[in-house]
């Protein structure tokens, strides 16, 4: 099953499945994540600053890593779970082990 799933957990709950092509649907999934503006007042400054709760390029990078390293032979979804205080990325993939071949001695 080649599918991405976004799931909202907390007081509100929702989910949505996304099918290939993942380069297109990954962007749609990231747009579902509630990336609110956070206002804070830095020390010794009079003006508030606003930033996004999550760095959007970081969300894309995490999702693209899940897509690239997913073991599609296991027929499992890539799941993105959005909680109130964090976003979790779940994939059944692994990083490839690289073994340096020293060559003939």
PDB file of N, CA and C in Angstrom:
ATOM      1  N   UNK A   1       0.848  -1.162   0.000  1.00  0.00           N
ATOM      2  CA  UNK A   1       0.000   0.000   0.000  1.00  0.00           C
ATOM      3  C   UNK A   1       0.900   1.233   0.000  1.00  0.00           C
ATOM      4  N   UNK A   2       0.948   1.912  -1.087  1.00  0.00           N
ATOM      5  CA  UNK A   2       1.736   3.137  -1.183  1.00  0.00           C
ATOM      6  C   UNK A   2       0.798   4.307  -0.903  1.00  0.00           C
ATOM      7  N   UNK A   3       0.877   4.826   0.327  1.00  0.00           N
ATOM      8  CA  UNK A   3      -0.047   5.872   0.734  1.00  0.00           C
ATOM      9  C   UNK A   3       0.560   6.686   1.865  1.00  0.00           C
ATOM     10  N   UNK A   4       0.254   7.978   1.857  1.00  0.00           N
ATOM     11  CA  UNK A   4       0.601   8.861   2.966  1.00  0.00           C
ATOM     12  C   UNK A   4      -0.678   9.114   3.753  1.00  0.00           C
ATOM     13  N   UNK A   5      -0.570   9.189   5.067  1.00  0.00           N
ATOM     14  CA  UNK A   5      -1.737   9.482   5.893  1.00  0.00           C
ATOM     15  C   UNK A   5      -1.405  10.601   6.857  1.00  0.00           C
ATOM     16  N   UNK A   6      -2.260  11.633   6.871  1.00  0.00           N
ATOM     17  CA  UNK A   6      -2.171  12.703   7.857  1.00  0.00           C
ATOM     18  C   UNK A   6      -3.270  12.453   8.875  1.00  0.00           C
ATOM     19  N   UNK A   7      -2.900  12.572  10.148  1.00  0.00           N
ATOM     20  CA  UNK A   7      -3.859  12.306  11.227  1.00  0.00           C
ATOM     21  C   UNK A   7      -3.736  13.406  12.271  1.00  0.00           C
ATOM     22  N   UNK A   8      -4.854  14.015  12.628  1.00  0.00           N
ATOM     23  CA  UNK A   8      -4.908  15.033  13.670  1.00  0.00           C
ATOM     24  C   UNK A   8      -5.413  14.380  14.950  1.00  0.00           C
ATOM     25  N   UNK A   9      -4.653  14.541  16.040  1.00  0.00           N
ATOM     26  CA  UNK A   9      -4.994  13.916  17.315  1.00  0.00           C
ATOM     27  C   UNK A   9      -5.098  15.002  18.372  1.00  0.00           C
ATOM     28  N   UNK A  10      -6.116  14.941  19.208  1.00  0.00           N
ATOM     29  CA  UNK A  10      -6.300  15.916  20.279  1.00  0.00           C
ATOM     30  C   UNK A  10      -7.777  16.160  20.501  1.00  0.00           C
ATOM     31  N   UNK A  11      -8.118  17.393  20.897  1.00  0.00           N
ATOM     32  CA  UNK A  11      -9.533  17.732  21.101  1.00  0.00           C
ATOM     33  C   UNK A  11     -10.318  17.555  19.812  1.00  0.00           C
ATOM     34  N   UNK A  12      -9.687  17.905  18.710  1.00  0.00           N
ATOM     35  CA  UNK A  12     -10.282  17.676  17.397  1.00  0.00           C
ATOM     36  C   UNK A  12      -9.546  16.503  16.770  1.00  0.00           C
ATOM     37  N   UNK A  13     -10.238  15.767  15.937  1.00  0.00           N
ATOM     38  CA  UNK A  13      -9.572  14.674  15.236  1.00  0.00           C
ATOM     39  C   UNK A  13     -10.006  14.668  13.785  1.00  0.00           C
ATOM     40  N   UNK A  14      -9.067  14.280  12.939  1.00  0.00           N
ATOM     41  CA  UNK A  14      -9.330  14.204  11.505  1.00  0.00           C
ATOM     42  C   UNK A  14      -8.237  13.356  10.884  1.00  0.00           C
ATOM     43  N   UNK A  15      -8.457  12.944   9.647  1.00  0.00           N
ATOM     44  CA  UNK A  15      -7.415  12.231   8.910  1.00  0.00           C
ATOM     45  C   UNK A  15      -7.671  12.414   7.425  1.00  0.00           C
ATOM     46  N   UNK A  16      -6.641  12.174   6.642  1.00  0.00           N
ATOM     47  CA  UNK A  16      -6.759  12.198   5.197  1.00  0.00           C
ATOM     48  C   UNK A  16      -5.655  11.321   4.623  1.00  0.00           C
ATOM     49  N   UNK A  17      -5.995  10.561   3.575  1.00  0.00           N
ATOM     50  CA  UNK A  17      -5.027   9.715   2.888  1.00  0.00           C
ATOM     51  C   UNK A  17      -4.619  10.403   1.594  1.00  0.00           C
ATOM     52  N   UNK A  18      -3.365  10.214   1.213  1.00  0.00           N
ATOM     53  CA  UNK A  18      -2.824  10.797  -0.008  1.00  0.00           C
ATOM     54  C   UNK A  18      -2.161   9.689  -0.817  1.00  0.00           C
ATOM     55  N   UNK A  19      -2.431   9.671  -2.106  1.00  0.00           N
ATOM     56  CA  UNK A  19      -1.888   8.648  -3.008  1.00  0.00           C
ATOM     57  C   UNK A  19      -0.765   9.236  -3.852  1.00  0.00           C
ATOM     58  N   UNK A  20       0.012   8.380  -4.537  1.00  0.00           N
ATOM     59  CA  UNK A  20       1.045   8.890  -5.434  1.00  0.00           C
ATOM     60  C   UNK A  20       0.429   9.760  -6.527  1.00  0.00           C
ATOM     61  N   UNK A  21       1.171  10.660  -7.098  1.00  0.00           N
ATOM     62  CA  UNK A  21       2.612  10.907  -6.999  1.00  0.00           C
ATOM     63  C   UNK A  21       2.934  11.681  -5.717  1.00  0.00           C
ATOM     64  N   UNK A  22       3.856  11.142  -4.932  1.00  0.00           N
ATOM     65  CA  UNK A  22       4.145  11.689  -3.618  1.00  0.00           C
ATOM     66  C   UNK A  22       4.801  13.062  -3.638  1.00  0.00           C
ATOM     67  N   UNK A  23       5.517  13.419  -4.700  1.00  0.00           N
ATOM     68  CA  UNK A  23       6.108  14.765  -4.746  1.00  0.00           C
ATOM     69  C   UNK A  23       5.023  15.831  -4.781  1.00  0.00           C
ATOM     70  N   UNK A  24       3.888  15.517  -5.360  1.00  0.00           N
ATOM     71  CA  UNK A  24       2.766  16.461  -5.403  1.00  0.00           C
ATOM     72  C   UNK A  24       1.959  16.383  -4.110  1.00  0.00           C
ATOM     73  N   UNK A  25       1.622  15.175  -3.691  1.00  0.00           N
ATOM     74  CA  UNK A  25       0.749  15.026  -2.529  1.00  0.00           C
ATOM     75  C   UNK A  25       1.464  15.331  -1.218  1.00  0.00           C
ATOM     76  N   UNK A  26       2.792  15.261  -1.192  1.00  0.00           N
ATOM     77  CA  UNK A  26       3.526  15.629   0.028  1.00  0.00           C
ATOM     78  C   UNK A  26       3.274  17.095   0.363  1.00  0.00           C
ATOM     79  N   UNK A  27       3.237  17.940  -0.651  1.00  0.00           N
ATOM     80  CA  UNK A  27       2.965  19.357  -0.426  1.00  0.00           C
ATOM     81  C   UNK A  27       1.540  19.552   0.082  1.00  0.00           C
ATOM     82  N   UNK A  28       0.594  18.806  -0.452  1.00  0.00           N
ATOM     83  CA  UNK A  28      -0.792  18.886   0.021  1.00  0.00           C
ATOM     84  C   UNK A  28      -0.883  18.455   1.482  1.00  0.00           C
ATOM     85  N   UNK A  29      -0.159  17.402   1.849  1.00  0.00           N
ATOM     86  CA  UNK A  29      -0.182  16.927   3.227  1.00  0.00           C
ATOM     87  C   UNK A  29       0.409  17.974   4.168  1.00  0.00           C
ATOM     88  N   UNK A  30       1.527  18.568   3.799  1.00  0.00           N
ATOM     89  CA  UNK A  30       2.161  19.586   4.657  1.00  0.00           C
ATOM     90  C   UNK A  30       1.219  20.773   4.860  1.00  0.00           C
ATOM     91  N   UNK A  31       0.427  21.111   3.855  1.00  0.00           N
ATOM     92  CA  UNK A  31      -0.540  22.212   3.995  1.00  0.00           C
ATOM     93  C   UNK A  31      -1.643  21.892   4.999  1.00  0.00           C
ATOM     94  N   UNK A  32      -1.902  20.600   5.255  1.00  0.00           N
ATOM     95  CA  UNK A  32      -2.918  20.209   6.241  1.00  0.00           C
ATOM     96  C   UNK A  32      -2.464  20.454   7.678  1.00  0.00           C
ATOM     97  N   UNK A  33      -1.144  20.472   7.895  1.00  0.00           N
ATOM     98  CA  UNK A  33      -0.608  20.659   9.246  1.00  0.00           C
ATOM     99  C   UNK A  33      -0.871  22.094   9.681  1.00  0.00           C
ATOM    100  N   UNK A  34      -1.411  22.236  10.874  1.00  0.00           N
ATOM    101  CA  UNK A  34      -1.745  23.566  11.400  1.00  0.00           C
ATOM    102  C   UNK A  34      -0.477  24.272  11.853  1.00  0.00           C
ATOM    103  N   UNK A  35      -0.003  25.139  11.006  1.00  0.00           N
ATOM    104  CA  UNK A  35       1.247  25.842  11.267  1.00  0.00           C
ATOM    105  C   UNK A  35       0.921  27.284  11.660  1.00  0.00           C
ATOM    106  N   UNK A  36       0.505  27.467  12.902  1.00  0.00           N
ATOM    107  CA  UNK A  36       0.045  28.764  13.379  1.00  0.00           C
ATOM    108  C   UNK A  36       1.221  29.709  13.624  1.00  0.00           C
ATOM    109  N   UNK A  37       0.923  30.984  13.642  1.00  0.00           N
ATOM    110  CA  UNK A  37       1.920  32.001  13.970  1.00  0.00           C
ATOM    111  C   UNK A  37       2.039  32.114  15.482  1.00  0.00           C
ATOM    112  N   UNK A  38       3.268  32.137  15.968  1.00  0.00           N
ATOM    113  CA  UNK A  38       3.525  32.292  17.393  1.00  0.00           C
ATOM    114  C   UNK A  38       4.119  33.672  17.616  1.00  0.00           C
ATOM    115  N   UNK A  39       3.561  34.390  18.570  1.00  0.00           N
ATOM    116  CA  UNK A  39       4.050  35.727  18.897  1.00  0.00           C
ATOM    117  C   UNK A  39       4.861  35.651  20.179  1.00  0.00           C
ATOM    118  N   UNK A  40       6.046  36.246  20.149  1.00  0.00           N
ATOM    119  CA  UNK A  40       6.867  36.277  21.352  1.00  0.00           C
ATOM    120  C   UNK A  40       7.588  37.608  21.452  1.00  0.00           C
ATOM    121  N   UNK A  41       7.990  37.929  22.653  1.00  0.00           N
ATOM    122  CA  UNK A  41       8.679  39.184  22.921  1.00  0.00           C
ATOM    123  C   UNK A  41      10.107  38.853  23.359  1.00  0.00           C
ATOM    124  N   UNK A  42      11.090  39.068  22.468  1.00  0.00           N
ATOM    125  CA  UNK A  42      12.475  38.781  22.841  1.00  0.00           C
ATOM    126  C   UNK A  42      12.923  39.660  24.013  1.00  0.00           C
ATOM    127  N   UNK A  43      13.839  39.153  24.834  1.00  0.00           N
ATOM    128  CA  UNK A  43      14.341  39.950  25.961  1.00  0.00           C
ATOM    129  C   UNK A  43      14.957  41.264  25.482  1.00  0.00           C
ATOM    130  N   UNK A  44      14.705  42.315  26.221  1.00  0.00           N
ATOM    131  CA  UNK A  44      15.265  43.643  25.955  1.00  0.00           C
ATOM    132  C   UNK A  44      14.791  44.252  24.638  1.00  0.00           C
ATOM    133  N   UNK A  45      13.646  43.815  24.137  1.00  0.00           N
ATOM    134  CA  UNK A  45      13.069  44.405  22.928  1.00  0.00           C
ATOM    135  C   UNK A  45      11.623  44.781  23.211  1.00  0.00           C
ATOM    136  N   UNK A  46      11.173  45.859  22.578  1.00  0.00           N
ATOM    137  CA  UNK A  46       9.812  46.346  22.803  1.00  0.00           C
ATOM    138  C   UNK A  46       8.811  45.802  21.787  1.00  0.00           C
ATOM    139  N   UNK A  47       9.297  45.311  20.692  1.00  0.00           N
ATOM    140  CA  UNK A  47       8.417  44.880  19.608  1.00  0.00           C
ATOM    141  C   UNK A  47       8.299  43.356  19.606  1.00  0.00           C
ATOM    142  N   UNK A  48       7.060  42.881  19.503  1.00  0.00           N
ATOM    143  CA  UNK A  48       6.822  41.448  19.402  1.00  0.00           C
ATOM    144  C   UNK A  48       7.286  40.936  18.040  1.00  0.00           C
ATOM    145  N   UNK A  49       7.647  39.684  18.011  1.00  0.00           N
ATOM    146  CA  UNK A  49       7.994  39.030  16.747  1.00  0.00           C
ATOM    147  C   UNK A  49       7.046  37.866  16.542  1.00  0.00           C
ATOM    148  N   UNK A  50       6.771  37.567  15.290  1.00  0.00           N
ATOM    149  CA  UNK A  50       5.916  36.434  14.963  1.00  0.00           C
ATOM    150  C   UNK A  50       6.697  35.469  14.084  1.00  0.00           C
ATOM    151  N   UNK A  51       6.602  34.190  14.437  1.00  0.00           N
ATOM    152  CA  UNK A  51       7.216  33.136  13.639  1.00  0.00           C
ATOM    153  C   UNK A  51       6.210  32.010  13.490  1.00  0.00           C
ATOM    154  N   UNK A  52       6.440  31.154  12.497  1.00  0.00           N
ATOM    155  CA  UNK A  52       5.590  29.985  12.337  1.00  0.00           C
ATOM    156  C   UNK A  52       5.964  28.938  13.380  1.00  0.00           C
ATOM    157  N   UNK A  53       4.989  28.167  13.816  1.00  0.00           N
ATOM    158  CA  UNK A  53       5.235  27.125  14.812  1.00  0.00           C
ATOM    159  C   UNK A  53       6.238  26.100  14.284  1.00  0.00           C
ATOM    160  N   UNK A  54       6.101  25.716  13.018  1.00  0.00           N
ATOM    161  CA  UNK A  54       7.006  24.753  12.394  1.00  0.00           C
ATOM    162  C   UNK A  54       7.637  25.382  11.158  1.00  0.00           C
ATOM    163  N   UNK A  55       8.887  25.052  10.924  1.00  0.00           N
ATOM    164  CA  UNK A  55       9.563  25.479   9.710  1.00  0.00           C
ATOM    165  C   UNK A  55       9.029  24.622   8.563  1.00  0.00           C
ATOM    166  N   UNK A  56       8.411  25.244   7.582  1.00  0.00           N
ATOM    167  CA  UNK A  56       7.762  24.489   6.510  1.00  0.00           C
ATOM    168  C   UNK A  56       8.759  23.646   5.712  1.00  0.00           C
ATOM    169  N   UNK A  57       9.943  24.160   5.467  1.00  0.00           N
ATOM    170  CA  UNK A  57      10.928  23.366   4.723  1.00  0.00           C
ATOM    171  C   UNK A  57      11.387  22.173   5.562  1.00  0.00           C
ATOM    172  N   UNK A  58      11.411  22.311   6.878  1.00  0.00           N
ATOM    173  CA  UNK A  58      11.744  21.186   7.754  1.00  0.00           C
ATOM    174  C   UNK A  58      10.687  20.101   7.707  1.00  0.00           C
ATOM    175  N   UNK A  59       9.406  20.499   7.645  1.00  0.00           N
ATOM    176  CA  UNK A  59       8.320  19.522   7.511  1.00  0.00           C
ATOM    177  C   UNK A  59       8.447  18.759   6.195  1.00  0.00           C
ATOM    178  N   UNK A  60       8.727  19.513   5.104  1.00  0.00           N
ATOM    179  CA  UNK A  60       8.919  18.863   3.805  1.00  0.00           C
ATOM    180  C   UNK A  60      10.098  17.895   3.846  1.00  0.00           C
ATOM    181  N   UNK A  61      11.198  18.325   4.433  1.00  0.00           N
ATOM    182  CA  UNK A  61      12.398  17.488   4.496  1.00  0.00           C
ATOM    183  C   UNK A  61      12.122  16.184   5.246  1.00  0.00           C
ATOM    184  N   UNK A  62      11.440  16.276   6.381  1.00  0.00           N
ATOM    185  CA  UNK A  62      11.117  15.066   7.157  1.00  0.00           C
ATOM    186  C   UNK A  62      10.226  14.132   6.350  1.00  0.00           C
ATOM    187  N   UNK A  63       9.237  14.682   5.666  1.00  0.00           N
ATOM    188  CA  UNK A  63       8.326  13.846   4.882  1.00  0.00           C
ATOM    189  C   UNK A  63       9.040  13.234   3.685  1.00  0.00           C
ATOM    190  N   UNK A  64       9.885  14.017   3.004  1.00  0.00           N
ATOM    191  CA  UNK A  64      10.638  13.479   1.860  1.00  0.00           C
ATOM    192  C   UNK A  64      11.585  12.375   2.300  1.00  0.00           C
ATOM    193  N   UNK A  65      12.180  12.493   3.500  1.00  0.00           N
ATOM    194  CA  UNK A  65      13.032  11.419   4.017  1.00  0.00           C
ATOM    195  C   UNK A  65      12.223  10.154   4.252  1.00  0.00           C
ATOM    196  N   UNK A  66      11.005  10.308   4.783  1.00  0.00           N
ATOM    197  CA  UNK A  66      10.143   9.132   4.974  1.00  0.00           C
ATOM    198  C   UNK A  66       9.819   8.477   3.630  1.00  0.00           C
ATOM    199  N   UNK A  67       9.517   9.291   2.632  1.00  0.00           N
ATOM    200  CA  UNK A  67       9.181   8.762   1.305  1.00  0.00           C
ATOM    201  C   UNK A  67      10.386   8.050   0.692  1.00  0.00           C
ATOM    202  N   UNK A  68      11.556   8.646   0.811  1.00  0.00           N
ATOM    203  CA  UNK A  68      12.762   8.082   0.190  1.00  0.00           C
ATOM    204  C   UNK A  68      13.213   6.802   0.867  1.00  0.00           C
ATOM    205  N   UNK A  69      13.035   6.701   2.182  1.00  0.00           N
ATOM    206  CA  UNK A  69      13.562   5.556   2.919  1.00  0.00           C
ATOM    207  C   UNK A  69      12.505   4.514   3.299  1.00  0.00           C
ATOM    208  N   UNK A  70      11.261   4.723   2.871  1.00  0.00           N
ATOM    209  CA  UNK A  70      10.192   3.767   3.154  1.00  0.00           C
ATOM    210  C   UNK A  70      10.493   2.425   2.487  1.00  0.00           C
ATOM    211  N   UNK A  71      10.248   1.331   3.187  1.00  0.00           N
ATOM    212  CA  UNK A  71      10.373  -0.002   2.607  1.00  0.00           C
ATOM    213  C   UNK A  71       9.003  -0.387   2.063  1.00  0.00           C
ATOM    214  N   UNK A  72       8.799  -0.154   0.781  1.00  0.00           N
ATOM    215  CA  UNK A  72       7.486  -0.350   0.172  1.00  0.00           C
ATOM    216  C   UNK A  72       7.119  -1.829   0.057  1.00  0.00           C
ATOM    217  N   UNK A  73       8.064  -2.729   0.272  1.00  0.00           N
ATOM    218  CA  UNK A  73       7.761  -4.165   0.261  1.00  0.00           C
ATOM    219  C   UNK A  73       6.922  -4.556   1.468  1.00  0.00           C
ATOM    220  N   UNK A  74       6.911  -3.740   2.503  1.00  0.00           N
ATOM    221  CA  UNK A  74       6.171  -4.062   3.726  1.00  0.00           C
ATOM    222  C   UNK A  74       4.712  -3.604   3.669  1.00  0.00           C
ATOM    223  N   UNK A  75       4.311  -2.985   2.571  1.00  0.00           N
ATOM    224  CA  UNK A  75       2.910  -2.578   2.347  1.00  0.00           C
ATOM    225  C   UNK A  75       2.354  -1.783   3.532  1.00  0.00           C
ATOM    226  N   UNK A  76       3.052  -0.766   3.925  1.00  0.00           N
ATOM    227  CA  UNK A  76       2.647   0.053   5.059  1.00  0.00           C
ATOM    228  C   UNK A  76       2.578   1.515   4.640  1.00  0.00           C
ATOM    229  N   UNK A  77       1.732   2.258   5.306  1.00  0.00           N
ATOM    230  CA  UNK A  77       1.596   3.694   5.038  1.00  0.00           C
ATOM    231  C   UNK A  77       2.690   4.481   5.739  1.00  0.00           C
ATOM    232  N   UNK A  78       2.985   5.645   5.186  1.00  0.00           N
ATOM    233  CA  UNK A  78       3.765   6.653   5.897  1.00  0.00           C
ATOM    234  C   UNK A  78       2.734   7.490   6.636  1.00  0.00           C
ATOM    235  N   UNK A  79       2.896   7.620   7.943  1.00  0.00           N
ATOM    236  CA  UNK A  79       1.887   8.303   8.752  1.00  0.00           C
ATOM    237  C   UNK A  79       2.493   9.560   9.367  1.00  0.00           C
ATOM    238  N   UNK A  80       1.769  10.657   9.231  1.00  0.00           N
ATOM    239  CA  UNK A  80       2.150  11.922   9.855  1.00  0.00           C
ATOM    240  C   UNK A  80       1.073  12.239  10.876  1.00  0.00           C
ATOM    241  N   UNK A  81       1.453  12.240  12.162  1.00  0.00           N
ATOM    242  CA  UNK A  81       0.494  12.488  13.236  1.00  0.00           C
ATOM    243  C   UNK A  81       0.746  13.879  13.797  1.00  0.00           C
ATOM    244  N   UNK A  82      -0.285  14.701  13.753  1.00  0.00           N
ATOM    245  CA  UNK A  82      -0.200  16.068  14.272  1.00  0.00           C
ATOM    246  C   UNK A  82      -0.864  16.129  15.641  1.00  0.00           C
ATOM    247  N   UNK A  83      -0.063  16.419  16.646  1.00  0.00           N
ATOM    248  CA  UNK A  83      -0.554  16.639  18.004  1.00  0.00           C
ATOM    249  C   UNK A  83      -0.583  18.149  18.249  1.00  0.00           C
ATOM    250  N   UNK A  84      -1.085  18.562  19.393  1.00  0.00           N
ATOM    251  CA  UNK A  84      -1.134  19.978  19.726  1.00  0.00           C
ATOM    252  C   UNK A  84       0.274  20.571  19.819  1.00  0.00           C
ATOM    253  N   UNK A  85       1.210  19.789  20.345  1.00  0.00           N
ATOM    254  CA  UNK A  85       2.545  20.320  20.626  1.00  0.00           C
ATOM    255  C   UNK A  85       3.657  19.778  19.735  1.00  0.00           C
ATOM    256  N   UNK A  86       3.337  18.877  18.791  1.00  0.00           N
ATOM    257  CA  UNK A  86       4.391  18.312  17.952  1.00  0.00           C
ATOM    258  C   UNK A  86       3.789  17.609  16.733  1.00  0.00           C
ATOM    259  N   UNK A  87       4.662  17.274  15.795  1.00  0.00           N
ATOM    260  CA  UNK A  87       4.292  16.483  14.624  1.00  0.00           C
ATOM    261  C   UNK A  87       5.222  15.281  14.581  1.00  0.00           C
ATOM    262  N   UNK A  88       4.660  14.073  14.433  1.00  0.00           N
ATOM    263  CA  UNK A  88       5.451  12.846  14.361  1.00  0.00           C
ATOM    264  C   UNK A  88       5.348  12.250  12.964  1.00  0.00           C
ATOM    265  N   UNK A  89       6.471  11.756  12.469  1.00  0.00           N
ATOM    266  CA  UNK A  89       6.544  11.104  11.167  1.00  0.00           C
ATOM    267  C   UNK A  89       6.881   9.637  11.409  1.00  0.00           C
ATOM    268  N   UNK A  90       6.044   8.737  10.898  1.00  0.00           N
ATOM    269  CA  UNK A  90       6.242   7.306  11.104  1.00  0.00           C
ATOM    270  C   UNK A  90       6.413   6.632   9.748  1.00  0.00           C
ATOM    271  N   UNK A  91       7.493   5.886   9.610  1.00  0.00           N
ATOM    272  CA  UNK A  91       7.807   5.181   8.378  1.00  0.00           C
ATOM    273  C   UNK A  91       8.410   3.836   8.737  1.00  0.00           C
ATOM    274  N   UNK A  92       8.151   2.815   7.942  1.00  0.00           N
ATOM    275  CA  UNK A  92       8.742   1.508   8.206  1.00  0.00           C
ATOM    276  C   UNK A  92      10.079   1.350   7.489  1.00  0.00           C
ATOM    277  N   UNK A  93      10.617   2.429   7.009  1.00  0.00           N
ATOM    278  CA  UNK A  93      11.887   2.373   6.305  1.00  0.00           C
ATOM    279  C   UNK A  93      13.075   2.506   7.228  1.00  0.00           C
ATOM    280  N   UNK A  94      14.238   2.361   6.650  1.00  0.00           N
ATOM    281  CA  UNK A  94      15.494   2.487   7.375  1.00  0.00           C
ATOM    282  C   UNK A  94      16.490   3.220   6.490  1.00  0.00           C
ATOM    283  N   UNK A  95      17.560   3.710   7.102  1.00  0.00           N
ATOM    284  CA  UNK A  95      18.659   4.249   6.327  1.00  0.00           C
ATOM    285  C   UNK A  95      19.484   3.074   5.832  1.00  0.00           C
ATOM    286  N   UNK A  96      20.031   3.208   4.657  1.00  0.00           N
ATOM    287  CA  UNK A  96      20.857   2.146   4.100  1.00  0.00           C
ATOM    288  C   UNK A  96      22.212   2.148   4.789  1.00  0.00           C
ATOM    289  N   UNK A  97      22.687   0.962   5.070  1.00  0.00           N
ATOM    290  CA  UNK A  97      24.004   0.828   5.680  1.00  0.00           C
ATOM    291  C   UNK A  97      25.043   0.847   4.571  1.00  0.00           C
ATOM    292  N   UNK A  98      26.000   1.726   4.717  1.00  0.00           N
ATOM    293  CA  UNK A  98      27.082   1.794   3.756  1.00  0.00           C
ATOM    294  C   UNK A  98      28.309   1.165   4.372  1.00  0.00           C
ATOM    295  N   UNK A  99      28.852   0.202   3.696  1.00  0.00           N
ATOM    296  CA  UNK A  99      30.063  -0.459   4.162  1.00  0.00           C
ATOM    297  C   UNK A  99      31.192  -0.084   3.207  1.00  0.00           C
ATOM    298  N   UNK A 100      32.190   0.501   3.750  1.00  0.00           N
ATOM    299  CA  UNK A 100      33.333   0.876   2.924  1.00  0.00           C
ATOM    300  C   UNK A 100      34.119  -0.375   2.567  1.00  0.00           C
ATOM    301  N   UNK A 101      34.325  -0.568   1.302  1.00  0.00           N
ATOM    302  CA  UNK A 101      35.118  -1.709   0.840  1.00  0.00           C
ATOM    303  C   UNK A 101      36.556  -1.235   0.704  1.00  0.00           C
ATOM    304  N   UNK A 102      37.428  -1.745   1.552  1.00  0.00           N
ATOM    305  CA  UNK A 102      38.819  -1.260   1.503  1.00  0.00           C
ATOM    306  C   UNK A 102      39.541  -1.710   0.241  1.00  0.00           C
ATOM    307  N   UNK A 103      38.953  -2.627  -0.517  1.00  0.00           N
ATOM    308  CA  UNK A 103      39.603  -3.100  -1.738  1.00  0.00           C
ATOM    309  C   UNK A 103      40.659  -4.142  -1.427  1.00  0.00           C
ATOM    310  N   UNK A 104      41.365  -4.581  -2.467  1.00  0.00           N
ATOM    311  CA  UNK A 104      42.386  -5.620  -2.262  1.00  0.00           C
ATOM    312  C   UNK A 104      43.557  -5.095  -1.436  1.00  0.00           C
ATOM    313  N   UNK A 105      44.106  -5.986  -0.649  1.00  0.00           N
ATOM    314  CA  UNK A 105      45.249  -5.613   0.182  1.00  0.00           C
ATOM    315  C   UNK A 105      46.460  -6.381  -0.200  1.00  0.00           C
TER     316      UNK A 105
END
